[in-house]
Amino acid sequence: MSTIQDYPSRLSDPSTRKMETFSYLPEMNDDQIRKQVEWIVKNGWNPGIEHTEPEHARDYYWYMWKLPMFGETEVDAILAELEACHKANPSNHVRLLGYDNFTQSQGANMVVYRGKMV
């Protein structure tokens, strides 16, 4: 049997905090982010973009960037909105959501850009 590794994530140390499953992996490059967006579109989910200050990521609701992109199927348009949100809020975490109409819930949720703790 293999040994399970403990990940030293602590609330007292902001640099170790993790936001979701992907945050335990190395940071995604542009191609990997594109593949995640393509997967959301392929599943027919509606993309949404949210952002928040790193110090409030676990305590508050995230701010919605515009409205969810209902019915958007252009991957480049979604990537452009992610970039626009990041440029407008460079110190904030920016996450991509995929809303599943069938289950009426989030089918995907990942932090694409990480803000820096001040």
PDB file of N, CA and C in Angstrom:
ATOM      1  N   MET A   1       0.847  -1.180   0.000  1.00  0.00           N
ATOM      2  CA  MET A   1       0.000   0.000   0.000  1.00  0.00           C
ATOM      3  C   MET A   1       0.891   1.241   0.000  1.00  0.00           C
ATOM      4  N   SER A   2       0.514   2.227  -0.783  1.00  0.00           N
ATOM      5  CA  SER A   2       1.315   3.448  -0.848  1.00  0.00           C
ATOM      6  C   SER A   2       1.006   4.373   0.318  1.00  0.00           C
ATOM      7  N   THR A   3       1.922   5.266   0.576  1.00  0.00           N
ATOM      8  CA  THR A   3       1.754   6.235   1.648  1.00  0.00           C
ATOM      9  C   THR A   3       1.133   7.502   1.075  1.00  0.00           C
ATOM     10  N   ILE A   4       0.139   8.021   1.748  1.00  0.00           N
ATOM     11  CA  ILE A   4      -0.514   9.259   1.336  1.00  0.00           C
ATOM     12  C   ILE A   4       0.309  10.427   1.849  1.00  0.00           C
ATOM     13  N   GLN A   5       0.596  11.361   0.987  1.00  0.00           N
ATOM     14  CA  GLN A   5       1.400  12.526   1.355  1.00  0.00           C
ATOM     15  C   GLN A   5       0.519  13.602   1.972  1.00  0.00           C
ATOM     16  N   ASP A   6       0.959  14.135   3.092  1.00  0.00           N
ATOM     17  CA  ASP A   6       0.271  15.263   3.717  1.00  0.00           C
ATOM     18  C   ASP A   6       0.721  16.539   3.017  1.00  0.00           C
ATOM     19  N   TYR A   7      -0.226  17.404   2.668  1.00  0.00           N
ATOM     20  CA  TYR A   7       0.141  18.679   2.062  1.00  0.00           C
ATOM     21  C   TYR A   7       0.068  19.739   3.144  1.00  0.00           C
ATOM     22  N   PRO A   8       1.168  20.438   3.419  1.00  0.00           N
ATOM     23  CA  PRO A   8       1.220  21.384   4.544  1.00  0.00           C
ATOM     24  C   PRO A   8       0.487  22.698   4.267  1.00  0.00           C
ATOM     25  N   SER A   9      -0.813  22.638   4.058  1.00  0.00           N
ATOM     26  CA  SER A   9      -1.608  23.840   3.816  1.00  0.00           C
ATOM     27  C   SER A   9      -2.174  24.319   5.149  1.00  0.00           C
ATOM     28  N   ARG A  10      -1.924  25.587   5.448  1.00  0.00           N
ATOM     29  CA  ARG A  10      -2.369  26.147   6.724  1.00  0.00           C
ATOM     30  C   ARG A  10      -3.027  27.504   6.513  1.00  0.00           C
ATOM     31  N   LEU A  11      -4.088  27.779   7.254  1.00  0.00           N
ATOM     32  CA  LEU A  11      -4.736  29.086   7.168  1.00  0.00           C
ATOM     33  C   LEU A  11      -3.806  30.197   7.618  1.00  0.00           C
ATOM     34  N   SER A  12      -2.906  29.889   8.525  1.00  0.00           N
ATOM     35  CA  SER A  12      -1.987  30.903   9.046  1.00  0.00           C
ATOM     36  C   SER A  12      -0.894  31.281   8.042  1.00  0.00           C
ATOM     37  N   ASP A  13      -0.736  30.485   6.986  1.00  0.00           N
ATOM     38  CA  ASP A  13       0.284  30.761   5.971  1.00  0.00           C
ATOM     39  C   ASP A  13      -0.397  30.906   4.608  1.00  0.00           C
ATOM     40  N   PRO A  14      -0.717  32.143   4.194  1.00  0.00           N
ATOM     41  CA  PRO A  14      -1.459  32.354   2.942  1.00  0.00           C
ATOM     42  C   PRO A  14      -0.803  31.743   1.713  1.00  0.00           C
ATOM     43  N   SER A  15       0.506  31.623   1.693  1.00  0.00           N
ATOM     44  CA  SER A  15       1.171  31.085   0.507  1.00  0.00           C
ATOM     45  C   SER A  15       0.906  29.592   0.307  1.00  0.00           C
ATOM     46  N   THR A  16       0.425  28.892   1.337  1.00  0.00           N
ATOM     47  CA  THR A  16       0.161  27.460   1.211  1.00  0.00           C
ATOM     48  C   THR A  16      -1.303  27.140   0.954  1.00  0.00           C
ATOM     49  N   ARG A  17      -2.172  28.136   0.995  1.00  0.00           N
ATOM     50  CA  ARG A  17      -3.605  27.878   0.842  1.00  0.00           C
ATOM     51  C   ARG A  17      -3.926  27.383  -0.558  1.00  0.00           C
ATOM     52  N   LYS A  18      -4.823  26.424  -0.632  1.00  0.00           N
ATOM     53  CA  LYS A  18      -5.231  25.842  -1.901  1.00  0.00           C
ATOM     54  C   LYS A  18      -6.702  26.154  -2.144  1.00  0.00           C
ATOM     55  N   MET A  19      -7.028  26.389  -3.422  1.00  0.00           N
ATOM     56  CA  MET A  19      -8.377  26.819  -3.764  1.00  0.00           C
ATOM     57  C   MET A  19      -9.258  25.679  -4.282  1.00  0.00           C
ATOM     58  N   GLU A  20      -8.674  24.697  -4.938  1.00  0.00           N
ATOM     59  CA  GLU A  20      -9.426  23.590  -5.501  1.00  0.00           C
ATOM     60  C   GLU A  20      -8.445  22.517  -5.935  1.00  0.00           C
ATOM     61  N   THR A  21      -8.932  21.448  -6.546  1.00  0.00           N
ATOM     62  CA  THR A  21      -8.088  20.313  -6.911  1.00  0.00           C
ATOM     63  C   THR A  21      -6.906  20.719  -7.776  1.00  0.00           C
ATOM     64  N   PHE A  22      -7.129  21.552  -8.811  1.00  0.00           N
ATOM     65  CA  PHE A  22      -6.044  21.920  -9.710  1.00  0.00           C
ATOM     66  C   PHE A  22      -4.929  22.681  -8.997  1.00  0.00           C
ATOM     67  N   SER A  23      -5.211  23.318  -7.882  1.00  0.00           N
ATOM     68  CA  SER A  23      -4.182  24.107  -7.213  1.00  0.00           C
ATOM     69  C   SER A  23      -3.101  23.233  -6.575  1.00  0.00           C
ATOM     70  N   TYR A  24      -3.333  21.931  -6.472  1.00  0.00           N
ATOM     71  CA  TYR A  24      -2.309  21.032  -5.960  1.00  0.00           C
ATOM     72  C   TYR A  24      -1.352  20.586  -7.061  1.00  0.00           C
ATOM     73  N   LEU A  25      -1.682  20.928  -8.286  1.00  0.00           N
ATOM     74  CA  LEU A  25      -0.843  20.605  -9.434  1.00  0.00           C
ATOM     75  C   LEU A  25      -0.009  21.828  -9.798  1.00  0.00           C
ATOM     76  N   PRO A  26       1.010  21.652 -10.634  1.00  0.00           N
ATOM     77  CA  PRO A  26       1.747  22.833 -11.106  1.00  0.00           C
ATOM     78  C   PRO A  26       0.794  23.793 -11.838  1.00  0.00           C
ATOM     79  N   GLU A  27       1.142  25.065 -11.850  1.00  0.00           N
ATOM     80  CA  GLU A  27       0.309  26.075 -12.500  1.00  0.00           C
ATOM     81  C   GLU A  27       0.076  25.709 -13.964  1.00  0.00           C
ATOM     82  N   MET A  28      -1.163  25.896 -14.433  1.00  0.00           N
ATOM     83  CA  MET A  28      -1.493  25.563 -15.817  1.00  0.00           C
ATOM     84  C   MET A  28      -0.890  26.580 -16.780  1.00  0.00           C
ATOM     85  N   ASN A  29      -0.405  26.091 -17.920  1.00  0.00           N
ATOM     86  CA  ASN A  29       0.066  27.002 -18.960  1.00  0.00           C
ATOM     87  C   ASN A  29      -1.117  27.380 -19.857  1.00  0.00           C
ATOM     88  N   ASP A  30      -0.882  28.249 -20.817  1.00  0.00           N
ATOM     89  CA  ASP A  30      -1.967  28.742 -21.677  1.00  0.00           C
ATOM     90  C   ASP A  30      -2.672  27.611 -22.423  1.00  0.00           C
ATOM     91  N   ASP A  31      -1.921  26.631 -22.908  1.00  0.00           N
ATOM     92  CA  ASP A  31      -2.520  25.523 -23.640  1.00  0.00           C
ATOM     93  C   ASP A  31      -3.410  24.681 -22.734  1.00  0.00           C
ATOM     94  N   GLN A  32      -2.985  24.453 -21.512  1.00  0.00           N
ATOM     95  CA  GLN A  32      -3.784  23.669 -20.571  1.00  0.00           C
ATOM     96  C   GLN A  32      -5.051  24.417 -20.163  1.00  0.00           C
ATOM     97  N   ILE A  33      -4.959  25.728 -20.005  1.00  0.00           N
ATOM     98  CA  ILE A  33      -6.149  26.527 -19.704  1.00  0.00           C
ATOM     99  C   ILE A  33      -7.119  26.446 -20.876  1.00  0.00           C
ATOM    100  N   ARG A  34      -6.601  26.568 -22.096  1.00  0.00           N
ATOM    101  CA  ARG A  34      -7.442  26.467 -23.297  1.00  0.00           C
ATOM    102  C   ARG A  34      -8.177  25.126 -23.330  1.00  0.00           C
ATOM    103  N   LYS A  35      -7.488  24.050 -22.986  1.00  0.00           N
ATOM    104  CA  LYS A  35      -8.115  22.729 -22.993  1.00  0.00           C
ATOM    105  C   LYS A  35      -9.242  22.638 -21.970  1.00  0.00           C
ATOM    106  N   GLN A  36      -9.078  23.274 -20.828  1.00  0.00           N
ATOM    107  CA  GLN A  36     -10.141  23.285 -19.827  1.00  0.00           C
ATOM    108  C   GLN A  36     -11.360  24.065 -20.329  1.00  0.00           C
ATOM    109  N   VAL A  37     -11.105  25.200 -20.985  1.00  0.00           N
ATOM    110  CA  VAL A  37     -12.206  25.987 -21.553  1.00  0.00           C
ATOM    111  C   VAL A  37     -12.901  25.173 -22.648  1.00  0.00           C
ATOM    112  N   GLU A  38     -12.134  24.517 -23.503  1.00  0.00           N
ATOM    113  CA  GLU A  38     -12.717  23.677 -24.556  1.00  0.00           C
ATOM    114  C   GLU A  38     -13.583  22.580 -23.953  1.00  0.00           C
ATOM    115  N   TRP A  39     -13.141  22.001 -22.846  1.00  0.00           N
ATOM    116  CA  TRP A  39     -13.896  20.935 -22.196  1.00  0.00           C
ATOM    117  C   TRP A  39     -15.232  21.464 -21.657  1.00  0.00           C
ATOM    118  N   ILE A  40     -15.201  22.652 -21.069  1.00  0.00           N
ATOM    119  CA  ILE A  40     -16.436  23.272 -20.574  1.00  0.00           C
ATOM    120  C   ILE A  40     -17.405  23.499 -21.728  1.00  0.00           C
ATOM    121  N   VAL A  41     -16.899  24.040 -22.836  1.00  0.00           N
ATOM    122  CA  VAL A  41     -17.744  24.305 -24.013  1.00  0.00           C
ATOM    123  C   VAL A  41     -18.272  22.992 -24.591  1.00  0.00           C
ATOM    124  N   LYS A  42     -17.400  21.984 -24.699  1.00  0.00           N
ATOM    125  CA  LYS A  42     -17.795  20.688 -25.264  1.00  0.00           C
ATOM    126  C   LYS A  42     -18.937  20.055 -24.474  1.00  0.00           C
ATOM    127  N   ASN A  43     -18.948  20.273 -23.165  1.00  0.00           N
ATOM    128  CA  ASN A  43     -20.006  19.724 -22.312  1.00  0.00           C
ATOM    129  C   ASN A  43     -21.277  20.561 -22.325  1.00  0.00           C
ATOM    130  N   GLY A  44     -21.252  21.674 -23.052  1.00  0.00           N
ATOM    131  CA  GLY A  44     -22.442  22.521 -23.140  1.00  0.00           C
ATOM    132  C   GLY A  44     -22.692  23.356 -21.900  1.00  0.00           C
ATOM    133  N   TRP A  45     -21.665  23.538 -21.088  1.00  0.00           N
ATOM    134  CA  TRP A  45     -21.818  24.321 -19.870  1.00  0.00           C
ATOM    135  C   TRP A  45     -21.630  25.800 -20.167  1.00  0.00           C
ATOM    136  N   ASN A  46     -22.239  26.637 -19.352  1.00  0.00           N
ATOM    137  CA  ASN A  46     -22.122  28.086 -19.503  1.00  0.00           C
ATOM    138  C   ASN A  46     -20.951  28.597 -18.681  1.00  0.00           C
ATOM    139  N   PRO A  47     -19.971  29.244 -19.340  1.00  0.00           N
ATOM    140  CA  PRO A  47     -18.830  29.764 -18.595  1.00  0.00           C
ATOM    141  C   PRO A  47     -19.203  31.011 -17.792  1.00  0.00           C
ATOM    142  N   GLY A  48     -18.580  31.141 -16.664  1.00  0.00           N
ATOM    143  CA  GLY A  48     -18.704  32.332 -15.841  1.00  0.00           C
ATOM    144  C   GLY A  48     -17.337  32.664 -15.271  1.00  0.00           C
ATOM    145  N   ILE A  49     -17.112  33.923 -14.984  1.00  0.00           N
ATOM    146  CA  ILE A  49     -15.817  34.357 -14.459  1.00  0.00           C
ATOM    147  C   ILE A  49     -16.056  35.141 -13.180  1.00  0.00           C
ATOM    148  N   GLU A  50     -15.279  34.832 -12.151  1.00  0.00           N
ATOM    149  CA  GLU A  50     -15.359  35.536 -10.871  1.00  0.00           C
ATOM    150  C   GLU A  50     -13.958  35.909 -10.422  1.00  0.00           C
ATOM    151  N   HIS A  51     -13.888  36.891  -9.523  1.00  0.00           N
ATOM    152  CA  HIS A  51     -12.587  37.307  -8.978  1.00  0.00           C
ATOM    153  C   HIS A  51     -12.771  37.806  -7.554  1.00  0.00           C
ATOM    154  N   THR A  52     -11.683  37.782  -6.794  1.00  0.00           N
ATOM    155  CA  THR A  52     -11.692  38.319  -5.436  1.00  0.00           C
ATOM    156  C   THR A  52     -10.261  38.553  -4.980  1.00  0.00           C
ATOM    157  N   GLU A  53     -10.128  39.358  -3.939  1.00  0.00           N
ATOM    158  CA  GLU A  53      -8.828  39.596  -3.338  1.00  0.00           C
ATOM    159  C   GLU A  53      -8.362  38.305  -2.661  1.00  0.00           C
ATOM    160  N   PRO A  54      -7.082  37.981  -2.743  1.00  0.00           N
ATOM    161  CA  PRO A  54      -6.594  36.734  -2.147  1.00  0.00           C
ATOM    162  C   PRO A  54      -6.935  36.593  -0.662  1.00  0.00           C
ATOM    163  N   GLU A  55      -6.881  37.695   0.075  1.00  0.00           N
ATOM    164  CA  GLU A  55      -7.155  37.597   1.512  1.00  0.00           C
ATOM    165  C   GLU A  55      -8.621  37.295   1.823  1.00  0.00           C
ATOM    166  N   HIS A  56      -9.512  37.461   0.843  1.00  0.00           N
ATOM    167  CA  HIS A  56     -10.940  37.195   1.052  1.00  0.00           C
ATOM    168  C   HIS A  56     -11.428  35.945   0.315  1.00  0.00           C
ATOM    169  N   ALA A  57     -10.532  35.221  -0.294  1.00  0.00           N
ATOM    170  CA  ALA A  57     -10.935  34.096  -1.145  1.00  0.00           C
ATOM    171  C   ALA A  57     -11.719  33.020  -0.402  1.00  0.00           C
ATOM    172  N   ARG A  58     -11.470  32.843   0.880  1.00  0.00           N
ATOM    173  CA  ARG A  58     -12.151  31.796   1.623  1.00  0.00           C
ATOM    174  C   ARG A  58     -13.276  32.321   2.514  1.00  0.00           C
ATOM    175  N   ASP A  59     -13.386  33.633   2.652  1.00  0.00           N
ATOM    176  CA  ASP A  59     -14.323  34.182   3.620  1.00  0.00           C
ATOM    177  C   ASP A  59     -15.543  34.881   3.016  1.00  0.00           C
ATOM    178  N   TYR A  60     -15.486  35.242   1.746  1.00  0.00           N
ATOM    179  CA  TYR A  60     -16.515  36.067   1.148  1.00  0.00           C
ATOM    180  C   TYR A  60     -16.959  35.498  -0.192  1.00  0.00           C
ATOM    181  N   TYR A  61     -18.088  36.025  -0.657  1.00  0.00           N
ATOM    182  CA  TYR A  61     -18.493  35.700  -2.026  1.00  0.00           C
ATOM    183  C   TYR A  61     -17.516  36.340  -2.997  1.00  0.00           C
ATOM    184  N   TRP A  62     -17.305  35.694  -4.120  1.00  0.00           N
ATOM    185  CA  TRP A  62     -16.446  36.251  -5.158  1.00  0.00           C
ATOM    186  C   TRP A  62     -17.270  37.211  -6.005  1.00  0.00           C
ATOM    187  N   TYR A  63     -16.615  38.211  -6.581  1.00  0.00           N
ATOM    188  CA  TYR A  63     -17.282  39.169  -7.447  1.00  0.00           C
ATOM    189  C   TYR A  63     -17.479  38.556  -8.826  1.00  0.00           C
ATOM    190  N   MET A  64     -18.652  38.741  -9.395  1.00  0.00           N
ATOM    191  CA  MET A  64     -18.887  38.240 -10.735  1.00  0.00           C
ATOM    192  C   MET A  64     -18.326  39.229 -11.755  1.00  0.00           C
ATOM    193  N   TRP A  65     -17.597  38.721 -12.739  1.00  0.00           N
ATOM    194  CA  TRP A  65     -17.085  39.538 -13.841  1.00  0.00           C
ATOM    195  C   TRP A  65     -18.149  39.501 -14.928  1.00  0.00           C
ATOM    196  N   LYS A  66     -18.829  40.615 -15.099  1.00  0.00           N
ATOM    197  CA  LYS A  66     -19.930  40.707 -16.057  1.00  0.00           C
ATOM    198  C   LYS A  66     -20.972  39.643 -15.714  1.00  0.00           C
ATOM    199  N   LEU A  67     -21.753  39.218 -16.692  1.00  0.00           N
ATOM    200  CA  LEU A  67     -22.731  38.156 -16.487  1.00  0.00           C
ATOM    201  C   LEU A  67     -22.140  36.830 -16.963  1.00  0.00           C
ATOM    202  N   PRO A  68     -22.710  35.697 -16.509  1.00  0.00           N
ATOM    203  CA  PRO A  68     -22.242  34.432 -17.075  1.00  0.00           C
ATOM    204  C   PRO A  68     -22.396  34.472 -18.600  1.00  0.00           C
ATOM    205  N   MET A  69     -21.552  33.758 -19.284  1.00  0.00           N
ATOM    206  CA  MET A  69     -21.521  33.795 -20.743  1.00  0.00           C
ATOM    207  C   MET A  69     -22.448  32.714 -21.305  1.00  0.00           C
ATOM    208  N   PHE A  70     -23.759  32.912 -21.097  1.00  0.00           N
ATOM    209  CA  PHE A  70     -24.755  31.922 -21.491  1.00  0.00           C
ATOM    210  C   PHE A  70     -24.655  31.599 -22.977  1.00  0.00           C
ATOM    211  N   GLY A  71     -24.486  30.320 -23.283  1.00  0.00           N
ATOM    212  CA  GLY A  71     -24.463  29.866 -24.664  1.00  0.00           C
ATOM    213  C   GLY A  71     -23.185  30.169 -25.425  1.00  0.00           C
ATOM    214  N   GLU A  72     -22.181  30.715 -24.777  1.00  0.00           N
ATOM    215  CA  GLU A  72     -20.939  31.058 -25.485  1.00  0.00           C
ATOM    216  C   GLU A  72     -20.195  29.779 -25.868  1.00  0.00           C
ATOM    217  N   THR A  73     -19.842  29.664 -27.145  1.00  0.00           N
ATOM    218  CA  THR A  73     -19.126  28.492 -27.632  1.00  0.00           C
ATOM    219  C   THR A  73     -17.767  28.843 -28.228  1.00  0.00           C
ATOM    220  N   GLU A  74     -17.438  30.119 -28.278  1.00  0.00           N
ATOM    221  CA  GLU A  74     -16.146  30.556 -28.813  1.00  0.00           C
ATOM    222  C   GLU A  74     -15.101  30.553 -27.701  1.00  0.00           C
ATOM    223  N   VAL A  75     -14.188  29.613 -27.782  1.00  0.00           N
ATOM    224  CA  VAL A  75     -13.153  29.463 -26.759  1.00  0.00           C
ATOM    225  C   VAL A  75     -12.321  30.734 -26.640  1.00  0.00           C
ATOM    226  N   ASP A  76     -11.976  31.335 -27.776  1.00  0.00           N
ATOM    227  CA  ASP A  76     -11.157  32.557 -27.746  1.00  0.00           C
ATOM    228  C   ASP A  76     -11.870  33.705 -27.047  1.00  0.00           C
ATOM    229  N   ALA A  77     -13.193  33.797 -27.173  1.00  0.00           N
ATOM    230  CA  ALA A  77     -13.954  34.846 -26.493  1.00  0.00           C
ATOM    231  C   ALA A  77     -13.904  34.653 -24.975  1.00  0.00           C
ATOM    232  N   ILE A  78     -13.984  33.417 -24.545  1.00  0.00           N
ATOM    233  CA  ILE A  78     -13.931  33.118 -23.110  1.00  0.00           C
ATOM    234  C   ILE A  78     -12.532  33.420 -22.563  1.00  0.00           C
ATOM    235  N   LEU A  79     -11.511  33.005 -23.305  1.00  0.00           N
ATOM    236  CA  LEU A  79     -10.135  33.294 -22.882  1.00  0.00           C
ATOM    237  C   LEU A  79      -9.877  34.796 -22.836  1.00  0.00           C
ATOM    238  N   ALA A  80     -10.441  35.536 -23.788  1.00  0.00           N
ATOM    239  CA  ALA A  80     -10.273  36.994 -23.804  1.00  0.00           C
ATOM    240  C   ALA A  80     -10.921  37.627 -22.578  1.00  0.00           C
ATOM    241  N   GLU A  81     -12.078  37.130 -22.153  1.00  0.00           N
ATOM    242  CA  GLU A  81     -12.731  37.665 -20.957  1.00  0.00           C
ATOM    243  C   GLU A  81     -11.947  37.329 -19.695  1.00  0.00           C
ATOM    244  N   LEU A  82     -11.368  36.132 -19.636  1.00  0.00           N
ATOM    245  CA  LEU A  82     -10.513  35.792 -18.494  1.00  0.00           C
ATOM    246  C   LEU A  82      -9.338  36.756 -18.403  1.00  0.00           C
ATOM    247  N   GLU A  83      -8.712  37.016 -19.540  1.00  0.00           N
ATOM    248  CA  GLU A  83      -7.575  37.940 -19.588  1.00  0.00           C
ATOM    249  C   GLU A  83      -8.003  39.357 -19.227  1.00  0.00           C
ATOM    250  N   ALA A  84      -9.165  39.794 -19.720  1.00  0.00           N
ATOM    251  CA  ALA A  84      -9.661  41.142 -19.415  1.00  0.00           C
ATOM    252  C   ALA A  84      -9.929  41.300 -17.923  1.00  0.00           C
ATOM    253  N   CYS A  85     -10.498  40.279 -17.297  1.00  0.00           N
ATOM    254  CA  CYS A  85     -10.757  40.316 -15.858  1.00  0.00           C
ATOM    255  C   CYS A  85      -9.439  40.394 -15.092  1.00  0.00           C
ATOM    256  N   HIS A  86      -8.467  39.606 -15.526  1.00  0.00           N
ATOM    257  CA  HIS A  86      -7.159  39.608 -14.873  1.00  0.00           C
ATOM    258  C   HIS A  86      -6.471  40.970 -15.020  1.00  0.00           C
ATOM    259  N   LYS A  87      -6.535  41.555 -16.205  1.00  0.00           N
ATOM    260  CA  LYS A  87      -5.909  42.866 -16.426  1.00  0.00           C
ATOM    261  C   LYS A  87      -6.597  43.957 -15.607  1.00  0.00           C
ATOM    262  N   ALA A  88      -7.907  43.869 -15.457  1.00  0.00           N
ATOM    263  CA  ALA A  88      -8.652  44.868 -14.684  1.00  0.00           C
ATOM    264  C   ALA A  88      -8.448  44.689 -13.178  1.00  0.00           C
ATOM    265  N   ASN A  89      -8.097  43.477 -12.756  1.00  0.00           N
ATOM    266  CA  ASN A  89      -7.924  43.144 -11.337  1.00  0.00           C
ATOM    267  C   ASN A  89      -6.647  42.332 -11.155  1.00  0.00           C
ATOM    268  N   PRO A  90      -5.471  42.927 -11.437  1.00  0.00           N
ATOM    269  CA  PRO A  90      -4.230  42.148 -11.477  1.00  0.00           C
ATOM    270  C   PRO A  90      -3.814  41.519 -10.153  1.00  0.00           C
ATOM    271  N   SER A  91      -4.267  42.045  -9.035  1.00  0.00           N
ATOM    272  CA  SER A  91      -3.870  41.467  -7.751  1.00  0.00           C
ATOM    273  C   SER A  91      -4.890  40.457  -7.217  1.00  0.00           C
ATOM    274  N   ASN A  92      -5.959  40.222  -7.963  1.00  0.00           N
ATOM    275  CA  ASN A  92      -7.015  39.302  -7.510  1.00  0.00           C
ATOM    276  C   ASN A  92      -6.845  37.902  -8.081  1.00  0.00           C
ATOM    277  N   HIS A  93      -7.422  36.931  -7.361  1.00  0.00           N
ATOM    278  CA  HIS A  93      -7.594  35.599  -7.930  1.00  0.00           C
ATOM    279  C   HIS A  93      -8.709  35.711  -8.967  1.00  0.00           C
ATOM    280  N   VAL A  94      -8.562  35.021 -10.080  1.00  0.00           N
ATOM    281  CA  VAL A  94      -9.598  34.973 -11.112  1.00  0.00           C
ATOM    282  C   VAL A  94      -9.909  33.504 -11.361  1.00  0.00           C
ATOM    283  N   ARG A  95     -11.196  33.154 -11.291  1.00  0.00           N
ATOM    284  CA  ARG A  95     -11.549  31.761 -11.527  1.00  0.00           C
ATOM    285  C   ARG A  95     -12.584  31.622 -12.639  1.00  0.00           C
ATOM    286  N   LEU A  96     -12.527  30.476 -13.277  1.00  0.00           N
ATOM    287  CA  LEU A  96     -13.440  30.124 -14.353  1.00  0.00           C
ATOM    288  C   LEU A  96     -14.414  29.087 -13.814  1.00  0.00           C
ATOM    289  N   LEU A  97     -15.683  29.315 -14.085  1.00  0.00           N
ATOM    290  CA  LEU A  97     -16.731  28.387 -13.677  1.00  0.00           C
ATOM    291  C   LEU A  97     -17.396  27.816 -14.917  1.00  0.00           C
ATOM    292  N   GLY A  98     -17.911  26.615 -14.809  1.00  0.00           N
ATOM    293  CA  GLY A  98     -18.730  26.022 -15.851  1.00  0.00           C
ATOM    294  C   GLY A  98     -20.057  25.619 -15.231  1.00  0.00           C
ATOM    295  N   TYR A  99     -21.134  26.330 -15.585  1.00  0.00           N
ATOM    296  CA  TYR A  99     -22.458  26.042 -15.024  1.00  0.00           C
ATOM    297  C   TYR A  99     -23.143  24.966 -15.859  1.00  0.00           C
ATOM    298  N   ASP A 100     -23.552  23.895 -15.212  1.00  0.00           N
ATOM    299  CA  ASP A 100     -24.230  22.784 -15.865  1.00  0.00           C
ATOM    300  C   ASP A 100     -25.739  23.014 -15.769  1.00  0.00           C
ATOM    301  N   ASN A 101     -26.387  23.252 -16.901  1.00  0.00           N
ATOM    302  CA  ASN A 101     -27.832  23.510 -16.903  1.00  0.00           C
ATOM    303  C   ASN A 101     -28.634  22.310 -16.426  1.00  0.00           C
ATOM    304  N   PHE A 102     -28.172  21.097 -16.747  1.00  0.00           N
ATOM    305  CA  PHE A 102     -28.921  19.894 -16.405  1.00  0.00           C
ATOM    306  C   PHE A 102     -28.982  19.696 -14.892  1.00  0.00           C
ATOM    307  N   THR A 103     -27.833  19.770 -14.232  1.00  0.00           N
ATOM    308  CA  THR A 103     -27.810  19.561 -12.781  1.00  0.00           C
ATOM    309  C   THR A 103     -28.039  20.857 -12.007  1.00  0.00           C
ATOM    310  N   GLN A 104     -28.068  21.976 -12.717  1.00  0.00           N
ATOM    311  CA  GLN A 104     -28.242  23.297 -12.124  1.00  0.00           C
ATOM    312  C   GLN A 104     -27.218  23.541 -11.021  1.00  0.00           C
ATOM    313  N   SER A 105     -25.973  23.259 -11.365  1.00  0.00           N
ATOM    314  CA  SER A 105     -24.876  23.448 -10.424  1.00  0.00           C
ATOM    315  C   SER A 105     -23.590  23.721 -11.198  1.00  0.00           C
ATOM    316  N   GLN A 106     -22.531  23.950 -10.469  1.00  0.00           N
ATOM    317  CA  GLN A 106     -21.232  24.135 -11.113  1.00  0.00           C
ATOM    318  C   GLN A 106     -20.678  22.768 -11.501  1.00  0.00           C
ATOM    319  N   GLY A 107     -20.330  22.639 -12.772  1.00  0.00           N
ATOM    320  CA  GLY A 107     -19.690  21.413 -13.224  1.00  0.00           C
ATOM    321  C   GLY A 107     -18.182  21.547 -13.193  1.00  0.00           C
ATOM    322  N   ALA A 108     -17.695  22.789 -13.224  1.00  0.00           N
ATOM    323  CA  ALA A 108     -16.261  23.057 -13.199  1.00  0.00           C
ATOM    324  C   ALA A 108     -16.025  24.348 -12.425  1.00  0.00           C
ATOM    325  N   ASN A 109     -14.885  24.415 -11.762  1.00  0.00           N
ATOM    326  CA  ASN A 109     -14.516  25.590 -10.986  1.00  0.00           C
ATOM    327  C   ASN A 109     -13.008  25.537 -10.796  1.00  0.00           C
ATOM    328  N   MET A 110     -12.290  26.485 -11.391  1.00  0.00           N
ATOM    329  CA  MET A 110     -10.834  26.465 -11.270  1.00  0.00           C
ATOM    330  C   MET A 110     -10.273  27.870 -11.254  1.00  0.00           C
ATOM    331  N   VAL A 111      -9.282  28.107 -10.414  1.00  0.00           N
ATOM    332  CA  VAL A 111      -8.585  29.383 -10.380  1.00  0.00           C
ATOM    333  C   VAL A 111      -7.602  29.393 -11.538  1.00  0.00           C
ATOM    334  N   VAL A 112      -7.749  30.384 -12.416  1.00  0.00           N
ATOM    335  CA  VAL A 112      -6.896  30.481 -13.605  1.00  0.00           C
ATOM    336  C   VAL A 112      -5.730  31.426 -13.347  1.00  0.00           C
ATOM    337  N   TYR A 113      -5.992  32.511 -12.639  1.00  0.00           N
ATOM    338  CA  TYR A 113      -4.929  33.472 -12.273  1.00  0.00           C
ATOM    339  C   TYR A 113      -4.944  33.630 -10.768  1.00  0.00           C
ATOM    340  N   ARG A 114      -3.777  33.568 -10.156  1.00  0.00           N
ATOM    341  CA  ARG A 114      -3.663  33.777  -8.715  1.00  0.00           C
ATOM    342  C   ARG A 114      -3.127  35.155  -8.422  1.00  0.00           C
ATOM    343  N   GLY A 115      -3.804  35.845  -7.521  1.00  0.00           N
ATOM    344  CA  GLY A 115      -3.331  37.151  -7.066  1.00  0.00           C
ATOM    345  C   GLY A 115      -2.236  36.971  -6.024  1.00  0.00           C
ATOM    346  N   LYS A 116      -1.576  38.040  -5.727  1.00  0.00           N
ATOM    347  CA  LYS A 116      -0.497  38.011  -4.722  1.00  0.00           C
ATOM    348  C   LYS A 116      -1.023  38.560  -3.404  1.00  0.00           C
ATOM    349  N   MET A 117      -0.640  37.914  -2.325  1.00  0.00           N
ATOM    350  CA  MET A 117      -0.996  38.418  -0.999  1.00  0.00           C
ATOM    351  C   MET A 117      -0.158  39.651  -0.713  1.00  0.00           C
ATOM    352  N   VAL A 118      -0.802  40.682  -0.186  1.00  0.00           N
ATOM    353  CA  VAL A 118      -0.099  41.943   0.117  1.00  0.00           C
ATOM    354  C   VAL A 118       0.408  41.902   1.528  1.00  0.00           C
TER     355      VAL A 118
END
